[in-house]
Amino acid sequence: MAFHLLERDPGGAREIAAAVGSAIDRLGHCQRCRMFAEGELCPVCAAHGRDRSLLCVVETPADVVAIEQSGSYRGCYFVLMGHLSPLDGVGPPRSASMRSRRCSAKARCAR
């Protein structure tokens, strides 16, 4: 894609670069689940119809998007923003957001 844009559509390449730059400036992380968000909460956490008793822990924001596209899961998420590898010393996050999710949601595992 990059070669095509650079060779045949430099204007389009500039538009994409500007859009990515704008997204980087606007996006942060949801205070509840760590998904990308433009405000304090992502659309999933802000939605009133979610089953807050279900918590799906995923590795990346792309995993949230894939699960949401299936349309079959109505619970909440927690995004690790990376993988767990206890043998490599990479454990679960010790962040306040994960502890608050665990304590306040009283979430059960999704099966």
N, C-alpha and C. Protein backbone atom coordinates (compact mmCIF):
# COMPACT_ATOMS: atom_id res chain seq x y z
N MET A 1 0.83 -1.18 0.00
CA MET A 1 0.00 0.00 0.00
C MET A 1 0.88 1.25 0.00
N ALA A 2 1.92 1.24 0.81
CA ALA A 2 2.79 2.42 0.89
C ALA A 2 3.44 2.72 -0.45
N PHE A 3 3.96 1.68 -1.12
CA PHE A 3 4.59 1.90 -2.43
C PHE A 3 3.58 2.43 -3.44
N HIS A 4 2.38 1.87 -3.44
CA HIS A 4 1.36 2.33 -4.37
C HIS A 4 1.06 3.81 -4.16
N LEU A 5 0.86 4.20 -2.91
CA LEU A 5 0.56 5.61 -2.63
C LEU A 5 1.72 6.52 -3.00
N LEU A 6 2.93 6.11 -2.67
CA LEU A 6 4.09 6.95 -2.96
C LEU A 6 4.32 7.08 -4.47
N GLU A 7 4.08 6.01 -5.22
CA GLU A 7 4.31 6.04 -6.66
C GLU A 7 3.17 6.69 -7.44
N ARG A 8 1.93 6.42 -7.03
CA ARG A 8 0.79 6.82 -7.86
C ARG A 8 -0.13 7.86 -7.25
N ASP A 9 -0.04 8.06 -5.93
CA ASP A 9 -0.98 9.00 -5.29
C ASP A 9 -0.32 9.70 -4.10
N PRO A 10 0.68 10.55 -4.37
CA PRO A 10 1.34 11.22 -3.26
C PRO A 10 0.39 12.10 -2.45
N GLY A 11 -0.62 12.66 -3.09
CA GLY A 11 -1.62 13.46 -2.36
C GLY A 11 -2.39 12.61 -1.38
N GLY A 12 -2.76 11.41 -1.80
CA GLY A 12 -3.45 10.48 -0.91
C GLY A 12 -2.57 10.06 0.25
N ALA A 13 -1.27 9.89 -0.02
CA ALA A 13 -0.33 9.53 1.04
C ALA A 13 -0.25 10.65 2.07
N ARG A 14 -0.27 11.90 1.61
CA ARG A 14 -0.24 13.04 2.53
C ARG A 14 -1.53 13.09 3.37
N GLU A 15 -2.66 12.81 2.76
CA GLU A 15 -3.94 12.80 3.50
C GLU A 15 -3.93 11.73 4.58
N ILE A 16 -3.45 10.54 4.24
CA ILE A 16 -3.38 9.46 5.23
C ILE A 16 -2.43 9.84 6.36
N ALA A 17 -1.28 10.42 6.02
CA ALA A 17 -0.32 10.84 7.04
C ALA A 17 -0.92 11.88 7.97
N ALA A 18 -1.67 12.83 7.41
CA ALA A 18 -2.31 13.86 8.23
C ALA A 18 -3.38 13.24 9.13
N ALA A 19 -4.15 12.29 8.60
CA ALA A 19 -5.19 11.64 9.40
C ALA A 19 -4.58 10.84 10.55
N VAL A 20 -3.48 10.15 10.28
CA VAL A 20 -2.82 9.38 11.33
C VAL A 20 -2.26 10.33 12.39
N GLY A 21 -1.65 11.42 11.96
CA GLY A 21 -1.13 12.41 12.90
C GLY A 21 -2.23 13.00 13.77
N SER A 22 -3.37 13.28 13.16
CA SER A 22 -4.51 13.82 13.91
C SER A 22 -5.03 12.80 14.91
N ALA A 23 -5.10 11.54 14.50
CA ALA A 23 -5.58 10.49 15.41
C ALA A 23 -4.64 10.33 16.61
N ILE A 24 -3.35 10.41 16.36
CA ILE A 24 -2.37 10.30 17.45
C ILE A 24 -2.57 11.42 18.46
N ASP A 25 -2.86 12.61 17.96
CA ASP A 25 -3.06 13.76 18.85
C ASP A 25 -4.36 13.67 19.64
N ARG A 26 -5.41 13.10 19.05
CA ARG A 26 -6.74 13.05 19.67
C ARG A 26 -6.95 11.84 20.58
N LEU A 27 -6.31 10.73 20.27
CA LEU A 27 -6.60 9.50 20.97
C LEU A 27 -5.79 9.34 22.25
N GLY A 28 -6.46 8.78 23.24
CA GLY A 28 -5.82 8.38 24.48
C GLY A 28 -6.31 6.99 24.80
N HIS A 29 -6.34 6.64 26.07
CA HIS A 29 -6.83 5.34 26.49
C HIS A 29 -8.03 5.50 27.41
N CYS A 30 -8.98 4.61 27.25
CA CYS A 30 -10.17 4.57 28.10
C CYS A 30 -9.72 4.37 29.56
N GLN A 31 -10.33 5.10 30.46
CA GLN A 31 -9.96 4.99 31.87
C GLN A 31 -10.37 3.66 32.49
N ARG A 32 -11.35 2.99 31.90
CA ARG A 32 -11.81 1.71 32.44
C ARG A 32 -11.09 0.51 31.84
N CYS A 33 -11.01 0.47 30.51
CA CYS A 33 -10.54 -0.77 29.86
C CYS A 33 -9.22 -0.63 29.11
N ARG A 34 -8.73 0.59 28.94
CA ARG A 34 -7.48 0.88 28.24
C ARG A 34 -7.57 0.77 26.72
N MET A 35 -8.78 0.64 26.17
CA MET A 35 -8.98 0.67 24.72
C MET A 35 -8.68 2.10 24.26
N PHE A 36 -8.40 2.29 22.98
CA PHE A 36 -8.23 3.63 22.46
C PHE A 36 -9.54 4.39 22.59
N ALA A 37 -9.46 5.67 22.95
CA ALA A 37 -10.67 6.47 23.13
C ALA A 37 -10.36 7.94 22.88
N GLU A 38 -11.36 8.66 22.41
CA GLU A 38 -11.20 10.11 22.22
C GLU A 38 -11.54 10.88 23.48
N GLY A 39 -12.25 10.26 24.39
CA GLY A 39 -12.60 10.90 25.66
C GLY A 39 -12.16 10.04 26.82
N GLU A 40 -12.79 10.24 27.98
CA GLU A 40 -12.44 9.45 29.16
C GLU A 40 -12.79 7.98 29.00
N LEU A 41 -13.92 7.71 28.33
CA LEU A 41 -14.38 6.33 28.13
C LEU A 41 -14.49 6.02 26.65
N CYS A 42 -14.20 4.78 26.30
CA CYS A 42 -14.39 4.33 24.92
C CYS A 42 -15.89 4.08 24.71
N PRO A 43 -16.33 3.92 23.47
CA PRO A 43 -17.76 3.68 23.22
C PRO A 43 -18.31 2.44 23.92
N VAL A 44 -17.51 1.40 24.06
CA VAL A 44 -17.99 0.18 24.72
C VAL A 44 -18.26 0.45 26.20
N CYS A 45 -17.32 1.07 26.88
CA CYS A 45 -17.50 1.35 28.31
C CYS A 45 -18.59 2.39 28.56
N ALA A 46 -18.79 3.28 27.62
CA ALA A 46 -19.82 4.31 27.77
C ALA A 46 -21.22 3.78 27.48
N ALA A 47 -21.32 2.64 26.80
CA ALA A 47 -22.63 2.09 26.42
C ALA A 47 -23.36 1.56 27.66
N HIS A 48 -24.63 1.87 27.75
CA HIS A 48 -25.44 1.45 28.90
C HIS A 48 -25.93 0.01 28.79
N GLY A 49 -25.95 -0.56 27.60
CA GLY A 49 -26.51 -1.89 27.41
C GLY A 49 -25.52 -3.04 27.59
N ARG A 50 -24.31 -2.76 28.06
CA ARG A 50 -23.32 -3.82 28.22
C ARG A 50 -23.57 -4.60 29.51
N ASP A 51 -23.23 -5.89 29.49
CA ASP A 51 -23.33 -6.74 30.67
C ASP A 51 -22.05 -6.56 31.48
N ARG A 52 -22.12 -5.75 32.52
CA ARG A 52 -20.94 -5.41 33.31
C ARG A 52 -20.48 -6.55 34.21
N SER A 53 -21.23 -7.65 34.23
CA SER A 53 -20.79 -8.80 35.01
C SER A 53 -19.82 -9.68 34.21
N LEU A 54 -19.66 -9.39 32.91
CA LEU A 54 -18.74 -10.15 32.05
C LEU A 54 -17.52 -9.29 31.74
N LEU A 55 -16.34 -9.86 31.90
CA LEU A 55 -15.11 -9.14 31.59
C LEU A 55 -14.24 -10.04 30.72
N CYS A 56 -13.92 -9.56 29.54
CA CYS A 56 -13.06 -10.27 28.60
C CYS A 56 -11.71 -9.56 28.58
N VAL A 57 -10.66 -10.25 28.98
CA VAL A 57 -9.32 -9.68 28.98
C VAL A 57 -8.66 -10.03 27.65
N VAL A 58 -8.22 -9.00 26.93
CA VAL A 58 -7.62 -9.20 25.61
C VAL A 58 -6.23 -8.59 25.56
N GLU A 59 -5.47 -8.99 24.58
CA GLU A 59 -4.09 -8.53 24.45
C GLU A 59 -3.99 -7.13 23.85
N THR A 60 -4.77 -6.86 22.79
CA THR A 60 -4.62 -5.60 22.07
C THR A 60 -5.98 -4.99 21.73
N PRO A 61 -6.01 -3.70 21.39
CA PRO A 61 -7.25 -3.08 20.93
C PRO A 61 -7.83 -3.77 19.69
N ALA A 62 -6.96 -4.32 18.84
CA ALA A 62 -7.44 -5.03 17.66
C ALA A 62 -8.30 -6.23 18.04
N ASP A 63 -7.99 -6.86 19.19
CA ASP A 63 -8.80 -7.99 19.66
C ASP A 63 -10.20 -7.53 20.03
N VAL A 64 -10.31 -6.37 20.65
CA VAL A 64 -11.63 -5.82 20.99
C VAL A 64 -12.44 -5.61 19.71
N VAL A 65 -11.81 -5.01 18.71
CA VAL A 65 -12.51 -4.74 17.45
C VAL A 65 -12.98 -6.05 16.82
N ALA A 66 -12.14 -7.06 16.80
CA ALA A 66 -12.51 -8.35 16.20
C ALA A 66 -13.69 -8.98 16.93
N ILE A 67 -13.66 -8.96 18.26
CA ILE A 67 -14.76 -9.54 19.03
C ILE A 67 -16.04 -8.73 18.83
N GLU A 68 -15.92 -7.41 18.83
CA GLU A 68 -17.10 -6.56 18.63
C GLU A 68 -17.72 -6.79 17.25
N GLN A 69 -16.90 -7.02 16.24
CA GLN A 69 -17.42 -7.26 14.90
C GLN A 69 -18.21 -8.55 14.82
N SER A 70 -17.94 -9.49 15.71
CA SER A 70 -18.71 -10.74 15.71
C SER A 70 -20.14 -10.51 16.17
N GLY A 71 -20.34 -9.48 16.99
CA GLY A 71 -21.69 -9.17 17.47
C GLY A 71 -22.22 -10.12 18.51
N SER A 72 -21.38 -11.03 19.01
CA SER A 72 -21.89 -12.06 19.92
C SER A 72 -21.54 -11.82 21.38
N TYR A 73 -20.73 -10.83 21.67
CA TYR A 73 -20.31 -10.58 23.05
C TYR A 73 -20.84 -9.23 23.50
N ARG A 74 -21.50 -9.19 24.64
CA ARG A 74 -22.10 -7.94 25.13
C ARG A 74 -21.51 -7.50 26.47
N GLY A 75 -20.40 -8.08 26.86
CA GLY A 75 -19.77 -7.72 28.12
C GLY A 75 -18.78 -6.58 27.96
N CYS A 76 -17.90 -6.44 28.94
CA CYS A 76 -16.88 -5.39 28.95
C CYS A 76 -15.51 -6.02 28.68
N TYR A 77 -14.53 -5.17 28.52
CA TYR A 77 -13.18 -5.62 28.18
C TYR A 77 -12.16 -5.02 29.12
N PHE A 78 -10.99 -5.64 29.15
CA PHE A 78 -9.79 -5.02 29.70
C PHE A 78 -8.67 -5.34 28.72
N VAL A 79 -8.00 -4.31 28.21
CA VAL A 79 -6.96 -4.47 27.21
C VAL A 79 -5.59 -4.44 27.89
N LEU A 80 -4.86 -5.52 27.77
CA LEU A 80 -3.54 -5.63 28.40
C LEU A 80 -2.50 -4.71 27.75
N MET A 81 -2.70 -4.38 26.48
CA MET A 81 -1.75 -3.60 25.68
C MET A 81 -0.41 -4.35 25.57
N GLY A 82 -0.52 -5.64 25.38
CA GLY A 82 0.66 -6.49 25.22
C GLY A 82 0.33 -7.89 25.69
N HIS A 83 1.27 -8.78 25.57
CA HIS A 83 1.03 -10.17 25.93
C HIS A 83 1.59 -10.48 27.32
N LEU A 84 1.06 -11.53 27.90
CA LEU A 84 1.58 -12.03 29.16
C LEU A 84 2.57 -13.15 28.85
N SER A 85 3.68 -13.12 29.53
CA SER A 85 4.68 -14.17 29.36
C SER A 85 5.43 -14.33 30.68
N PRO A 86 4.85 -15.09 31.61
CA PRO A 86 5.47 -15.23 32.92
C PRO A 86 6.92 -15.72 32.86
N LEU A 87 7.24 -16.57 31.90
CA LEU A 87 8.61 -17.06 31.78
C LEU A 87 9.59 -15.95 31.41
N ASP A 88 9.07 -14.91 30.73
CA ASP A 88 9.90 -13.77 30.35
C ASP A 88 9.77 -12.62 31.35
N GLY A 89 9.06 -12.86 32.44
CA GLY A 89 8.90 -11.81 33.45
C GLY A 89 7.82 -10.80 33.13
N VAL A 90 6.96 -11.10 32.15
CA VAL A 90 5.87 -10.19 31.79
C VAL A 90 4.60 -10.73 32.43
N GLY A 91 4.17 -10.08 33.50
CA GLY A 91 2.99 -10.53 34.23
C GLY A 91 1.80 -9.65 33.97
N PRO A 92 0.71 -9.90 34.69
CA PRO A 92 -0.49 -9.08 34.52
C PRO A 92 -0.23 -7.66 34.98
N PRO A 93 -1.00 -6.70 34.45
CA PRO A 93 -0.79 -5.31 34.82
C PRO A 93 -1.09 -5.10 36.30
N ARG A 94 -0.35 -4.25 36.90
CA ARG A 94 -0.56 -3.92 38.30
C ARG A 94 -1.17 -2.53 38.42
N SER A 95 -1.83 -2.12 37.36
CA SER A 95 -2.38 -0.78 37.33
C SER A 95 -3.64 -0.67 38.17
N ALA A 96 -3.93 0.55 38.59
CA ALA A 96 -5.13 0.81 39.38
C ALA A 96 -6.38 0.51 38.57
N SER A 97 -6.32 0.70 37.24
CA SER A 97 -7.51 0.47 36.43
C SER A 97 -7.91 -1.00 36.43
N MET A 98 -6.95 -1.92 36.42
CA MET A 98 -7.28 -3.34 36.45
C MET A 98 -7.84 -3.71 37.82
N ARG A 99 -7.23 -3.20 38.90
CA ARG A 99 -7.75 -3.50 40.24
C ARG A 99 -9.16 -2.97 40.40
N SER A 100 -9.43 -1.77 39.89
CA SER A 100 -10.77 -1.21 40.03
C SER A 100 -11.78 -2.00 39.22
N ARG A 101 -11.38 -2.52 38.05
CA ARG A 101 -12.29 -3.34 37.24
C ARG A 101 -12.64 -4.61 38.00
N ARG A 102 -11.63 -5.22 38.59
CA ARG A 102 -11.83 -6.48 39.30
C ARG A 102 -12.72 -6.27 40.52
N CYS A 103 -12.53 -5.17 41.22
CA CYS A 103 -13.26 -4.95 42.47
C CYS A 103 -14.65 -4.37 42.24
N SER A 104 -14.76 -3.39 41.34
CA SER A 104 -16.04 -2.71 41.20
C SER A 104 -17.02 -3.47 40.33
N ALA A 105 -16.55 -4.17 39.32
CA ALA A 105 -17.46 -4.84 38.39
C ALA A 105 -17.94 -6.18 38.94
N LYS A 106 -17.18 -6.76 39.86
CA LYS A 106 -17.49 -8.11 40.33
C LYS A 106 -17.70 -9.02 39.13
N ALA A 107 -16.78 -8.89 38.19
CA ALA A 107 -16.91 -9.59 36.91
C ALA A 107 -16.67 -11.09 37.07
N ARG A 108 -17.33 -11.84 36.22
CA ARG A 108 -17.11 -13.28 36.15
C ARG A 108 -16.47 -13.57 34.80
N CYS A 109 -15.83 -14.69 34.68
CA CYS A 109 -15.17 -15.03 33.43
C CYS A 109 -16.19 -15.32 32.33
N ALA A 110 -15.90 -14.80 31.14
CA ALA A 110 -16.75 -15.12 29.99
C ALA A 110 -16.31 -16.46 29.42
N ARG A 111 -17.23 -17.27 29.05
CA ARG A 111 -16.91 -18.57 28.46
C ARG A 111 -17.43 -18.61 27.04
